[in-house]
PDB file of N, CA and C in Angstrom:
ATOM      1  N   UNK A   1      39.406 -10.790  -2.279  1.00  0.00           N
ATOM      2  CA  UNK A   1      37.988  -9.867  -2.933  1.00  0.00           C
ATOM      3  C   UNK A   1      36.602 -11.003  -2.438  1.00  0.00           C
ATOM      4  N   UNK A   2      35.795 -10.544  -1.810  1.00  0.00           N
ATOM      5  CA  UNK A   2      34.825 -11.530  -1.441  1.00  0.00           C
ATOM      6  C   UNK A   2      33.436 -11.376  -2.520  1.00  0.00           C
ATOM      7  N   UNK A   3      33.084 -13.010  -2.128  1.00  0.00           N
ATOM      8  CA  UNK A   3      32.353 -12.702  -3.718  1.00  0.00           C
ATOM      9  C   UNK A   3      30.685 -12.166  -2.975  1.00  0.00           C
ATOM     10  N   UNK A   4      30.162 -11.890  -4.003  1.00  0.00           N
ATOM     11  CA  UNK A   4      28.754 -11.350  -4.340  1.00  0.00           C
ATOM     12  C   UNK A   4      27.437 -12.517  -4.288  1.00  0.00           C
ATOM     13  N   UNK A   5      26.751 -12.204  -3.040  1.00  0.00           N
ATOM     14  CA  UNK A   5      25.695 -13.364  -3.127  1.00  0.00           C
ATOM     15  C   UNK A   5      24.438 -12.205  -2.796  1.00  0.00           C
ATOM     16  N   UNK A   6      23.162 -12.708  -3.048  1.00  0.00           N
ATOM     17  CA  UNK A   6      21.858 -12.416  -2.530  1.00  0.00           C
ATOM     18  C   UNK A   6      21.851 -12.568  -1.376  1.00  0.00           C
ATOM     19  N   UNK A   7      21.640 -11.171  -0.548  1.00  0.00           N
ATOM     20  CA  UNK A   7      20.948 -11.750   1.349  1.00  0.00           C
ATOM     21  C   UNK A   7      19.337 -12.447   1.173  1.00  0.00           C
ATOM     22  N   UNK A   8      19.584 -12.953   2.039  1.00  0.00           N
ATOM     23  CA  UNK A   8      18.349 -13.779   2.261  1.00  0.00           C
ATOM     24  C   UNK A   8      17.441 -12.741   2.986  1.00  0.00           C
ATOM     25  N   UNK A   9      16.163 -13.025   2.919  1.00  0.00           N
ATOM     26  CA  UNK A   9      15.157 -12.411   3.708  1.00  0.00           C
ATOM     27  C   UNK A   9      14.973 -12.080   5.152  1.00  0.00           C
ATOM     28  N   UNK A  10      15.932 -13.274   6.186  1.00  0.00           N
ATOM     29  CA  UNK A  10      16.303 -13.071   6.864  1.00  0.00           C
ATOM     30  C   UNK A  10      17.458 -11.572   7.143  1.00  0.00           C
ATOM     31  N   UNK A  11      18.405 -12.043   6.403  1.00  0.00           N
ATOM     32  CA  UNK A  11      19.307 -10.939   6.418  1.00  0.00           C
ATOM     33  C   UNK A  11      19.078  -9.041   6.252  1.00  0.00           C
ATOM     34  N   UNK A  12      18.110  -9.454   5.443  1.00  0.00           N
ATOM     35  CA  UNK A  12      17.287  -7.990   4.844  1.00  0.00           C
ATOM     36  C   UNK A  12      17.164  -7.324   5.898  1.00  0.00           C
ATOM     37  N   UNK A  13      16.002  -8.559   6.258  1.00  0.00           N
ATOM     38  CA  UNK A  13      15.049  -7.742   7.981  1.00  0.00           C
ATOM     39  C   UNK A  13      16.129  -7.379   8.687  1.00  0.00           C
ATOM     40  N   UNK A  14      17.017  -8.164   8.955  1.00  0.00           N
ATOM     41  CA  UNK A  14      17.993  -7.844  10.383  1.00  0.00           C
ATOM     42  C   UNK A  14      18.638  -6.481   9.973  1.00  0.00           C
ATOM     43  N   UNK A  15      18.806  -6.056   8.709  1.00  0.00           N
ATOM     44  CA  UNK A  15      19.527  -5.052   8.408  1.00  0.00           C
ATOM     45  C   UNK A  15      18.444  -3.679   8.283  1.00  0.00           C
ATOM     46  N   UNK A  16      17.456  -4.138   7.761  1.00  0.00           N
ATOM     47  CA  UNK A  16      16.409  -3.138   8.054  1.00  0.00           C
ATOM     48  C   UNK A  16      16.079  -2.562   9.492  1.00  0.00           C
ATOM     49  N   UNK A  17      15.828  -3.398  10.221  1.00  0.00           N
ATOM     50  CA  UNK A  17      15.746  -3.406  11.768  1.00  0.00           C
ATOM     51  C   UNK A  17      16.557  -2.778  12.662  1.00  0.00           C
ATOM     52  N   UNK A  18      18.056  -2.943  12.326  1.00  0.00           N
ATOM     53  CA  UNK A  18      19.172  -2.360  12.442  1.00  0.00           C
ATOM     54  C   UNK A  18      19.311  -0.890  12.194  1.00  0.00           C
ATOM     55  N   UNK A  19      18.979  -0.277  11.322  1.00  0.00           N
ATOM     56  CA  UNK A  19      19.089   0.507  10.308  1.00  0.00           C
ATOM     57  C   UNK A  19      18.052   1.825  11.040  1.00  0.00           C
ATOM     58  N   UNK A  20      16.863   0.880  10.850  1.00  0.00           N
ATOM     59  CA  UNK A  20      15.661   1.944  11.709  1.00  0.00           C
ATOM     60  C   UNK A  20      16.013   2.065  13.306  1.00  0.00           C
ATOM     61  N   UNK A  21      16.622   1.208  14.079  1.00  0.00           N
ATOM     62  CA  UNK A  21      16.674   0.995  15.480  1.00  0.00           C
ATOM     63  C   UNK A  21      17.875   2.040  15.725  1.00  0.00           C
ATOM     64  N   UNK A  22      19.135   2.016  15.257  1.00  0.00           N
ATOM     65  CA  UNK A  22      20.375   1.963  16.279  1.00  0.00           C
ATOM     66  C   UNK A  22      20.916   3.398  14.573  1.00  0.00           C
ATOM     67  N   UNK A  23      20.802   3.238  13.503  1.00  0.00           N
ATOM     68  CA  UNK A  23      21.686   3.900  12.702  1.00  0.00           C
ATOM     69  C   UNK A  23      21.323   5.933  13.177  1.00  0.00           C
ATOM     70  N   UNK A  24      22.608   6.259  13.269  1.00  0.00           N
ATOM     71  CA  UNK A  24      22.520   7.966  13.994  1.00  0.00           C
ATOM     72  C   UNK A  24      21.904   8.532  12.432  1.00  0.00           C
ATOM     73  N   UNK A  25      22.347   8.242  11.439  1.00  0.00           N
ATOM     74  CA  UNK A  25      22.437   8.697   9.851  1.00  0.00           C
ATOM     75  C   UNK A  25      21.039   8.618   9.538  1.00  0.00           C
ATOM     76  N   UNK A  26      20.224   7.698  10.022  1.00  0.00           N
ATOM     77  CA  UNK A  26      18.602   7.807   9.595  1.00  0.00           C
ATOM     78  C   UNK A  26      17.760   8.442  10.417  1.00  0.00           C
ATOM     79  N   UNK A  27      16.838   8.921   9.077  1.00  0.00           N
ATOM     80  CA  UNK A  27      15.386   9.385   9.943  1.00  0.00           C
ATOM     81  C   UNK A  27      14.279   8.843   8.856  1.00  0.00           C
ATOM     82  N   UNK A  28      13.190   8.691   9.739  1.00  0.00           N
ATOM     83  CA  UNK A  28      12.424   8.176   8.989  1.00  0.00           C
ATOM     84  C   UNK A  28      11.481   9.087   7.477  1.00  0.00           C
ATOM     85  N   UNK A  29      11.540   9.945   8.000  1.00  0.00           N
ATOM     86  CA  UNK A  29      11.427  10.967   6.989  1.00  0.00           C
ATOM     87  C   UNK A  29      12.358  11.593   5.716  1.00  0.00           C
ATOM     88  N   UNK A  30      13.728  11.538   6.292  1.00  0.00           N
ATOM     89  CA  UNK A  30      14.072  12.140   5.323  1.00  0.00           C
ATOM     90  C   UNK A  30      15.233  11.305   4.883  1.00  0.00           C
ATOM     91  N   UNK A  31      15.412  10.177   5.239  1.00  0.00           N
ATOM     92  CA  UNK A  31      16.224   8.884   4.810  1.00  0.00           C
ATOM     93  C   UNK A  31      17.600   8.933   5.195  1.00  0.00           C
ATOM     94  N   UNK A  32      18.553   8.998   4.251  1.00  0.00           N
ATOM     95  CA  UNK A  32      19.951   9.157   5.023  1.00  0.00           C
ATOM     96  C   UNK A  32      20.227  10.828   5.177  1.00  0.00           C
ATOM     97  N   UNK A  33      20.445  11.185   6.202  1.00  0.00           N
ATOM     98  CA  UNK A  33      20.387  12.487   6.476  1.00  0.00           C
ATOM     99  C   UNK A  33      22.085  13.040   5.551  1.00  0.00           C
ATOM    100  N   UNK A  34      23.122  12.128   6.189  1.00  0.00           N
ATOM    101  CA  UNK A  34      24.290  13.142   4.964  1.00  0.00           C
ATOM    102  C   UNK A  34      24.200  13.157   3.750  1.00  0.00           C
ATOM    103  N   UNK A  35      23.506  11.857   3.255  1.00  0.00           N
ATOM    104  CA  UNK A  35      23.708  11.737   1.548  1.00  0.00           C
ATOM    105  C   UNK A  35      21.940  12.665   0.754  1.00  0.00           C
ATOM    106  N   UNK A  36      21.334  12.971   2.040  1.00  0.00           N
ATOM    107  CA  UNK A  36      19.901  13.793   1.859  1.00  0.00           C
ATOM    108  C   UNK A  36      19.440  12.889   0.519  1.00  0.00           C
ATOM    109  N   UNK A  37      18.813  11.373   0.629  1.00  0.00           N
ATOM    110  CA  UNK A  37      18.254  10.619  -0.126  1.00  0.00           C
ATOM    111  C   UNK A  37      17.985   9.576   0.299  1.00  0.00           C
ATOM    112  N   UNK A  38      16.722   8.291   0.178  1.00  0.00           N
ATOM    113  CA  UNK A  38      16.662   7.405   0.689  1.00  0.00           C
ATOM    114  C   UNK A  38      17.620   6.691   1.110  1.00  0.00           C
ATOM    115  N   UNK A  39      17.728   5.650   2.741  1.00  0.00           N
ATOM    116  CA  UNK A  39      18.555   5.405   3.345  1.00  0.00           C
ATOM    117  C   UNK A  39      19.066   4.437   1.899  1.00  0.00           C
ATOM    118  N   UNK A  40      20.318   4.153   1.453  1.00  0.00           N
ATOM    119  CA  UNK A  40      21.122   2.615   0.822  1.00  0.00           C
ATOM    120  C   UNK A  40      20.504   1.661   1.581  1.00  0.00           C
ATOM    121  N   UNK A  41      20.508   1.250   2.467  1.00  0.00           N
ATOM    122  CA  UNK A  41      20.705   0.239   3.407  1.00  0.00           C
ATOM    123  C   UNK A  41      19.102  -0.231   3.216  1.00  0.00           C
ATOM    124  N   UNK A  42      18.833   0.122   3.271  1.00  0.00           N
ATOM    125  CA  UNK A  42      17.122  -0.339   3.437  1.00  0.00           C
ATOM    126  C   UNK A  42      16.369  -0.826   2.487  1.00  0.00           C
ATOM    127  N   UNK A  43      17.501  -0.494   0.988  1.00  0.00           N
ATOM    128  CA  UNK A  43      16.785  -1.334  -0.133  1.00  0.00           C
ATOM    129  C   UNK A  43      18.165  -2.403  -0.600  1.00  0.00           C
ATOM    130  N   UNK A  44      18.999  -2.490   0.278  1.00  0.00           N
ATOM    131  CA  UNK A  44      19.864  -3.455  -0.164  1.00  0.00           C
ATOM    132  C   UNK A  44      19.203  -5.139  -0.692  1.00  0.00           C
ATOM    133  N   UNK A  45      20.206  -5.589  -1.519  1.00  0.00           N
ATOM    134  CA  UNK A  45      19.541  -7.114  -2.024  1.00  0.00           C
ATOM    135  C   UNK A  45      20.784  -7.919  -2.456  1.00  0.00           C
ATOM    136  N   UNK A  46      21.926  -7.351  -2.671  1.00  0.00           N
ATOM    137  CA  UNK A  46      23.434  -8.152  -2.419  1.00  0.00           C
ATOM    138  C   UNK A  46      24.350  -7.930  -1.350  1.00  0.00           C
ATOM    139  N   UNK A  47      24.633  -8.940  -1.312  1.00  0.00           N
ATOM    140  CA  UNK A  47      26.305  -8.408  -0.993  1.00  0.00           C
ATOM    141  C   UNK A  47      27.008  -7.896  -1.110  1.00  0.00           C
ATOM    142  N   UNK A  48      28.300  -7.619  -0.449  1.00  0.00           N
ATOM    143  CA  UNK A  48      29.455  -6.354  -1.055  1.00  0.00           C
ATOM    144  C   UNK A  48      29.287  -5.187  -0.604  1.00  0.00           C
ATOM    145  N   UNK A  49      29.381  -3.683  -1.208  1.00  0.00           N
ATOM    146  CA  UNK A  49      28.967  -2.636  -0.359  1.00  0.00           C
ATOM    147  C   UNK A  49      27.828  -2.129   0.156  1.00  0.00           C
ATOM    148  N   UNK A  50      29.022  -2.072   1.387  1.00  0.00           N
ATOM    149  CA  UNK A  50      27.773  -1.465   2.472  1.00  0.00           C
ATOM    150  C   UNK A  50      27.915  -0.099   3.077  1.00  0.00           C
ATOM    151  N   UNK A  51      27.503   0.939   3.299  1.00  0.00           N
ATOM    152  CA  UNK A  51      27.341   2.294   3.982  1.00  0.00           C
ATOM    153  C   UNK A  51      28.537   2.134   5.047  1.00  0.00           C
ATOM    154  N   UNK A  52      29.261   2.901   4.733  1.00  0.00           N
ATOM    155  CA  UNK A  52      30.698   2.664   6.014  1.00  0.00           C
ATOM    156  C   UNK A  52      30.398   2.977   7.154  1.00  0.00           C
ATOM    157  N   UNK A  53      29.098   3.868   7.731  1.00  0.00           N
ATOM    158  CA  UNK A  53      28.873   3.916   9.098  1.00  0.00           C
ATOM    159  C   UNK A  53      28.258   2.865   9.313  1.00  0.00           C
ATOM    160  N   UNK A  54      26.784   2.520   8.585  1.00  0.00           N
ATOM    161  CA  UNK A  54      26.415   0.934   8.853  1.00  0.00           C
ATOM    162  C   UNK A  54      27.687   0.119   9.612  1.00  0.00           C
ATOM    163  N   UNK A  55      28.550  -0.184   8.525  1.00  0.00           N
ATOM    164  CA  UNK A  55      29.677  -1.058   8.513  1.00  0.00           C
ATOM    165  C   UNK A  55      30.064  -1.424  10.036  1.00  0.00           C
ATOM    166  N   UNK A  56      30.544   0.327  10.366  1.00  0.00           N
ATOM    167  CA  UNK A  56      31.635   0.427  11.436  1.00  0.00           C
ATOM    168  C   UNK A  56      30.728   0.917  12.470  1.00  0.00           C
ATOM    169  N   UNK A  57      29.831   1.240  12.339  1.00  0.00           N
ATOM    170  CA  UNK A  57      28.980   1.546  13.672  1.00  0.00           C
ATOM    171  C   UNK A  57      27.906   0.679  14.554  1.00  0.00           C
ATOM    172  N   UNK A  58      27.246  -0.048  13.219  1.00  0.00           N
ATOM    173  CA  UNK A  58      25.761  -0.441  13.748  1.00  0.00           C
ATOM    174  C   UNK A  58      25.807  -2.025  13.485  1.00  0.00           C
ATOM    175  N   UNK A  59      26.864  -2.538  12.116  1.00  0.00           N
ATOM    176  CA  UNK A  59      26.931  -3.775  12.119  1.00  0.00           C
ATOM    177  C   UNK A  59      27.233  -4.674  13.066  1.00  0.00           C
ATOM    178  N   UNK A  60      28.177  -4.243  14.047  1.00  0.00           N
ATOM    179  CA  UNK A  60      28.947  -4.912  15.056  1.00  0.00           C
ATOM    180  C   UNK A  60      27.717  -5.199  16.371  1.00  0.00           C
ATOM    181  N   UNK A  61      26.453  -4.887  16.125  1.00  0.00           N
ATOM    182  CA  UNK A  61      25.857  -4.757  17.499  1.00  0.00           C
ATOM    183  C   UNK A  61      25.501  -6.153  17.238  1.00  0.00           C
ATOM    184  N   UNK A  62      25.118  -6.747  16.184  1.00  0.00           N
ATOM    185  CA  UNK A  62      24.664  -8.166  15.507  1.00  0.00           C
ATOM    186  C   UNK A  62      25.710  -8.919  14.849  1.00  0.00           C
ATOM    187  N   UNK A  63      26.463  -9.738  16.020  1.00  0.00           N
ATOM    188  CA  UNK A  63      27.463 -10.430  15.927  1.00  0.00           C
ATOM    189  C   UNK A  63      26.859 -11.421  14.652  1.00  0.00           C
ATOM    190  N   UNK A  64      26.015 -12.096  14.753  1.00  0.00           N
ATOM    191  CA  UNK A  64      25.594 -13.103  13.820  1.00  0.00           C
ATOM    192  C   UNK A  64      25.557 -12.352  12.097  1.00  0.00           C
ATOM    193  N   UNK A  65      24.993 -11.429  12.490  1.00  0.00           N
ATOM    194  CA  UNK A  65      24.859 -11.106  10.763  1.00  0.00           C
ATOM    195  C   UNK A  65      25.914 -10.572  10.311  1.00  0.00           C
ATOM    196  N   UNK A  66      26.874  -9.911  11.534  1.00  0.00           N
ATOM    197  CA  UNK A  66      27.985  -9.044  11.172  1.00  0.00           C
ATOM    198  C   UNK A  66      29.112 -10.467   9.678  1.00  0.00           C
ATOM    199  N   UNK A  67      28.819 -11.770  10.738  1.00  0.00           N
ATOM    200  CA  UNK A  67      29.876 -12.741  10.119  1.00  0.00           C
ATOM    201  C   UNK A  67      29.095 -13.461   9.093  1.00  0.00           C
ATOM    202  N   UNK A  68      27.877 -13.432   8.854  1.00  0.00           N
ATOM    203  CA  UNK A  68      27.244 -13.570   8.077  1.00  0.00           C
ATOM    204  C   UNK A  68      27.444 -12.709   6.625  1.00  0.00           C
ATOM    205  N   UNK A  69      27.821 -11.748   6.466  1.00  0.00           N
ATOM    206  CA  UNK A  69      27.785 -10.513   6.183  1.00  0.00           C
ATOM    207  C   UNK A  69      28.966 -10.278   5.094  1.00  0.00           C
ATOM    208  N   UNK A  70      29.975 -10.004   7.036  1.00  0.00           N
ATOM    209  CA  UNK A  70      31.479  -9.626   5.921  1.00  0.00           C
ATOM    210  C   UNK A  70      32.344 -11.211   6.087  1.00  0.00           C
ATOM    211  N   UNK A  71      31.680 -12.049   6.972  1.00  0.00           N
ATOM    212  CA  UNK A  71      33.047 -13.087   7.588  1.00  0.00           C
ATOM    213  C   UNK A  71      33.775 -12.810   8.397  1.00  0.00           C
ATOM    214  N   UNK A  72      33.851 -11.845   8.978  1.00  0.00           N
ATOM    215  CA  UNK A  72      34.567 -11.430  10.107  1.00  0.00           C
ATOM    216  C   UNK A  72      33.754 -11.221  11.741  1.00  0.00           C
ATOM    217  N   UNK A  73      34.860 -10.849  12.143  1.00  0.00           N
ATOM    218  CA  UNK A  73      34.085 -10.617  13.605  1.00  0.00           C
ATOM    219  C   UNK A  73      34.091 -11.839  14.618  1.00  0.00           C
ATOM    220  N   UNK A  74      33.649 -12.144  15.888  1.00  0.00           N
ATOM    221  CA  UNK A  74      33.578 -12.961  16.690  1.00  0.00           C
ATOM    222  C   UNK A  74      32.485 -14.048  15.975  1.00  0.00           C
ATOM    223  N   UNK A  75      33.048 -15.087  15.871  1.00  0.00           N
ATOM    224  CA  UNK A  75      32.542 -15.948  15.444  1.00  0.00           C
ATOM    225  C   UNK A  75      31.241 -16.808  16.635  1.00  0.00           C
ATOM    226  N   UNK A  76      29.929 -16.823  16.459  1.00  0.00           N
ATOM    227  CA  UNK A  76      29.112 -16.914  17.036  1.00  0.00           C
ATOM    228  C   UNK A  76      29.061 -18.866  17.617  1.00  0.00           C
ATOM    229  N   UNK A  77      28.911 -18.478  18.909  1.00  0.00           N
ATOM    230  CA  UNK A  77      28.905 -20.356  18.812  1.00  0.00           C
ATOM    231  C   UNK A  77      27.602 -21.477  18.342  1.00  0.00           C
ATOM    232  N   UNK A  78      27.617 -22.047  17.771  1.00  0.00           N
ATOM    233  CA  UNK A  78      26.644 -23.158  17.332  1.00  0.00           C
ATOM    234  C   UNK A  78      26.451 -23.882  18.444  1.00  0.00           C
ATOM    235  N   UNK A  79      24.633 -23.883  18.582  1.00  0.00           N
ATOM    236  CA  UNK A  79      24.102 -25.118  19.649  1.00  0.00           C
ATOM    237  C   UNK A  79      23.569 -26.078  18.807  1.00  0.00           C
ATOM    238  N   UNK A  80      23.214 -26.967  19.732  1.00  0.00           N
ATOM    239  CA  UNK A  80      22.297 -28.295  19.406  1.00  0.00           C
ATOM    240  C   UNK A  80      21.187 -28.006  19.383  1.00  0.00           C
ATOM    241  N   UNK A  81      19.909 -28.247  18.507  1.00  0.00           N
ATOM    242  CA  UNK A  81      18.764 -28.187  18.166  1.00  0.00           C
ATOM    243  C   UNK A  81      18.461 -29.766  19.511  1.00  0.00           C
ATOM    244  N   UNK A  82      17.405 -28.928  20.496  1.00  0.00           N
ATOM    245  CA  UNK A  82      17.199 -30.166  21.488  1.00  0.00           C
ATOM    246  C   UNK A  82      16.291 -31.014  20.547  1.00  0.00           C
ATOM    247  N   UNK A  83      15.964 -31.017  19.652  1.00  0.00           N
ATOM    248  CA  UNK A  83      14.797 -31.716  19.141  1.00  0.00           C
ATOM    249  C   UNK A  83      15.470 -32.795  18.307  1.00  0.00           C
ATOM    250  N   UNK A  84      16.008 -31.991  16.944  1.00  0.00           N
ATOM    251  CA  UNK A  84      16.703 -32.955  16.014  1.00  0.00           C
ATOM    252  C   UNK A  84      18.622 -33.077  16.065  1.00  0.00           C
ATOM    253  N   UNK A  85      18.716 -32.073  16.935  1.00  0.00           N
ATOM    254  CA  UNK A  85      20.149 -32.236  17.045  1.00  0.00           C
ATOM    255  C   UNK A  85      21.284 -31.488  16.420  1.00  0.00           C
ATOM    256  N   UNK A  86      20.434 -31.222  14.957  1.00  0.00           N
ATOM    257  CA  UNK A  86      21.561 -30.122  13.862  1.00  0.00           C
ATOM    258  C   UNK A  86      22.192 -28.793  14.658  1.00  0.00           C
ATOM    259  N   UNK A  87      23.161 -28.402  14.149  1.00  0.00           N
ATOM    260  CA  UNK A  87      23.407 -27.140  14.608  1.00  0.00           C
ATOM    261  C   UNK A  87      22.849 -26.096  14.427  1.00  0.00           C
ATOM    262  N   UNK A  88      22.820 -24.804  14.840  1.00  0.00           N
ATOM    263  CA  UNK A  88      22.126 -23.461  14.445  1.00  0.00           C
ATOM    264  C   UNK A  88      22.721 -22.586  15.190  1.00  0.00           C
ATOM    265  N   UNK A  89      22.233 -21.484  14.433  1.00  0.00           N
ATOM    266  CA  UNK A  89      23.130 -19.795  15.188  1.00  0.00           C
ATOM    267  C   UNK A  89      22.210 -19.644  16.100  1.00  0.00           C
ATOM    268  N   UNK A  90      22.017 -19.623  17.663  1.00  0.00           N
ATOM    269  CA  UNK A  90      21.235 -19.030  18.259  1.00  0.00           C
ATOM    270  C   UNK A  90      21.069 -17.196  18.107  1.00  0.00           C
ATOM    271  N   UNK A  91      20.084 -17.043  18.409  1.00  0.00           N
ATOM    272  CA  UNK A  91      19.972 -15.516  18.406  1.00  0.00           C
ATOM    273  C   UNK A  91      18.838 -15.332  19.127  1.00  0.00           C
ATOM    274  N   UNK A  92      19.024 -14.520  20.086  1.00  0.00           N
ATOM    275  CA  UNK A  92      17.995 -13.650  20.624  1.00  0.00           C
ATOM    276  C   UNK A  92      17.548 -14.959  21.960  1.00  0.00           C
ATOM    277  N   UNK A  93      16.100 -15.409  21.536  1.00  0.00           N
ATOM    278  CA  UNK A  93      15.079 -15.958  22.230  1.00  0.00           C
ATOM    279  C   UNK A  93      15.145 -17.726  21.614  1.00  0.00           C
ATOM    280  N   UNK A  94      15.394 -17.674  20.569  1.00  0.00           N
ATOM    281  CA  UNK A  94      15.646 -18.874  19.386  1.00  0.00           C
ATOM    282  C   UNK A  94      15.788 -20.097  20.441  1.00  0.00           C
ATOM    283  N   UNK A  95      14.939 -21.005  20.354  1.00  0.00           N
ATOM    284  CA  UNK A  95      15.467 -22.420  20.932  1.00  0.00           C
ATOM    285  C   UNK A  95      15.851 -23.372  20.290  1.00  0.00           C
ATOM    286  N   UNK A  96      15.280 -23.916  18.874  1.00  0.00           N
ATOM    287  CA  UNK A  96      15.398 -24.344  17.815  1.00  0.00           C
ATOM    288  C   UNK A  96      15.746 -24.086  16.701  1.00  0.00           C
ATOM    289  N   UNK A  97      16.187 -25.165  15.890  1.00  0.00           N
ATOM    290  CA  UNK A  97      16.617 -24.740  15.069  1.00  0.00           C
ATOM    291  C   UNK A  97      15.752 -24.163  13.847  1.00  0.00           C
ATOM    292  N   UNK A  98      14.204 -24.559  13.846  1.00  0.00           N
ATOM    293  CA  UNK A  98      13.441 -24.164  12.829  1.00  0.00           C
ATOM    294  C   UNK A  98      11.694 -24.386  13.357  1.00  0.00           C
ATOM    295  N   UNK A  99      11.138 -23.555  12.830  1.00  0.00           N
ATOM    296  CA  UNK A  99       9.575 -23.649  13.387  1.00  0.00           C
ATOM    297  C   UNK A  99       9.024 -25.072  13.395  1.00  0.00           C
ATOM    298  N   UNK A 100       9.336 -26.057  12.497  1.00  0.00           N
ATOM    299  CA  UNK A 100       9.412 -27.422  12.804  1.00  0.00           C
ATOM    300  C   UNK A 100       9.392 -28.302  14.016  1.00  0.00           C
ATOM    301  N   UNK A 101      10.633 -27.909  14.285  1.00  0.00           N
ATOM    302  CA  UNK A 101      11.261 -28.544  15.189  1.00  0.00           C
ATOM    303  C   UNK A 101      10.641 -27.695  16.976  1.00  0.00           C
ATOM    304  N   UNK A 102      10.273 -26.721  16.600  1.00  0.00           N
ATOM    305  CA  UNK A 102       9.303 -25.849  17.836  1.00  0.00           C
ATOM    306  C   UNK A 102       8.390 -26.522  17.988  1.00  0.00           C
ATOM    307  N   UNK A 103       7.350 -26.529  16.781  1.00  0.00           N
ATOM    308  CA  UNK A 103       6.127 -27.250  17.136  1.00  0.00           C
ATOM    309  C   UNK A 103       6.248 -28.732  17.701  1.00  0.00           C
ATOM    310  N   UNK A 104       7.260 -29.620  17.149  1.00  0.00           N
ATOM    311  CA  UNK A 104       7.602 -30.667  17.568  1.00  0.00           C
ATOM    312  C   UNK A 104       7.409 -30.768  19.233  1.00  0.00           C
ATOM    313  N   UNK A 105       8.704 -29.825  19.762  1.00  0.00           N
ATOM    314  CA  UNK A 105       9.048 -29.808  21.138  1.00  0.00           C
ATOM    315  C   UNK A 105       7.797 -29.153  21.596  1.00  0.00           C
ATOM    316  N   UNK A 106       6.724 -28.549  21.160  1.00  0.00           N
ATOM    317  CA  UNK A 106       5.464 -27.997  22.412  1.00  0.00           C
ATOM    318  C   UNK A 106       4.745 -29.089  22.642  1.00  0.00           C
ATOM    319  N   UNK A 107       4.041 -29.794  20.807  1.00  0.00           N
ATOM    320  CA  UNK A 107       3.770 -31.070  21.407  1.00  0.00           C
ATOM    321  C   UNK A 107       3.964 -32.264  22.116  1.00  0.00           C
ATOM    322  N   UNK A 108       5.240 -32.569  22.275  1.00  0.00           N
ATOM    323  CA  UNK A 108       5.547 -33.621  23.353  1.00  0.00           C
ATOM    324  C   UNK A 108       5.657 -32.770  24.737  1.00  0.00           C
ATOM    325  N   UNK A 109       5.895 -31.606  24.739  1.00  0.00           N
ATOM    326  CA  UNK A 109       5.633 -30.944  26.404  1.00  0.00           C
ATOM    327  C   UNK A 109       4.200 -30.765  26.368  1.00  0.00           C
ATOM    328  N   UNK A 110       3.339 -30.779  25.224  1.00  0.00           N
ATOM    329  CA  UNK A 110       2.098 -30.900  26.013  1.00  0.00           C
ATOM    330  C   UNK A 110       1.163 -31.904  26.286  1.00  0.00           C
ATOM    331  N   UNK A 111       2.104 -32.918  25.607  1.00  0.00           N
ATOM    332  CA  UNK A 111       1.467 -34.417  26.049  1.00  0.00           C
ATOM    333  C   UNK A 111       1.804 -34.661  26.668  1.00  0.00           C
ATOM    334  N   UNK A 112       3.012 -34.791  27.713  1.00  0.00           N
ATOM    335  CA  UNK A 112       3.507 -34.470  28.796  1.00  0.00           C
ATOM    336  C   UNK A 112       2.999 -33.959  30.013  1.00  0.00           C
ATOM    337  N   UNK A 113       2.544 -32.994  29.865  1.00  0.00           N
ATOM    338  CA  UNK A 113       1.657 -32.394  30.653  1.00  0.00           C
ATOM    339  C   UNK A 113       0.175 -33.088  30.942  1.00  0.00           C
ATOM    340  N   UNK A 114      -0.092 -33.579  29.580  1.00  0.00           N
ATOM    341  CA  UNK A 114      -1.749 -34.139  29.949  1.00  0.00           C
ATOM    342  C   UNK A 114      -1.439 -35.674  30.771  1.00  0.00           C
ATOM    343  N   UNK A 115      -0.428 -36.163  30.432  1.00  0.00           N
ATOM    344  CA  UNK A 115      -0.325 -37.196  31.016  1.00  0.00           C
ATOM    345  C   UNK A 115      -0.266 -37.075  32.468  1.00  0.00           C
ATOM    346  N   UNK A 116       0.754 -36.346  33.150  1.00  0.00           N
ATOM    347  CA  UNK A 116       0.674 -36.132  34.157  1.00  0.00           C
ATOM    348  C   UNK A 116      -0.636 -35.315  35.079  1.00  0.00           C
ATOM    349  N   UNK A 117      -1.595 -34.514  34.479  1.00  0.00           N
ATOM    350  CA  UNK A 117      -2.567 -33.907  34.733  1.00  0.00           C
ATOM    351  C   UNK A 117      -3.506 -34.981  34.990  1.00  0.00           C
ATOM    352  N   UNK A 118      -3.639 -36.427  34.041  1.00  0.00           N
ATOM    353  CA  UNK A 118      -4.772 -37.006  34.237  1.00  0.00           C
ATOM    354  C   UNK A 118      -4.420 -38.228  35.317  1.00  0.00           C
ATOM    355  N   UNK A 119      -2.937 -38.742  35.740  1.00  0.00           N
ATOM    356  CA  UNK A 119      -2.044 -39.372  36.180  1.00  0.00           C
ATOM    357  C   UNK A 119      -2.034 -38.570  37.773  1.00  0.00           C
TER     358      UNK A 119
END
C-alpha cells in the first residue's frame, strides 16, 4: 500500500489544469457529470484515492505527474541544470532547475551580449 502525503502546490495546479482541459466528465458549470456534484479532483490535497477516470484516462497524459503521484508509468529522464548542474525533471519549456538559475543564466547572457556589442 502506498503511503499518503500532501500534494505540492505544483501537483495541485497540474491536476486542476489536466481536469479542466482533458477530463471528459468535467463541466465548468455542473462539475463532475456522472456524480452530479463538484469535481472531487479539483479539491484534492492528499495523494491516495483518485477518480478512476482521471487515473486511467487523464493522468497518463502527464508522465512526470503520473510518476510523482503513483510511482508507476514511464520514468522521465532527469536533465542537469546548465547553471548549477543539479538534476531536475524537465517539463515542457523549462530549461533550468529553478527561477534563480534562470535569472542567473539570463544575467550571464545579457552580460555577454553587451560585451559583444561594445567590442
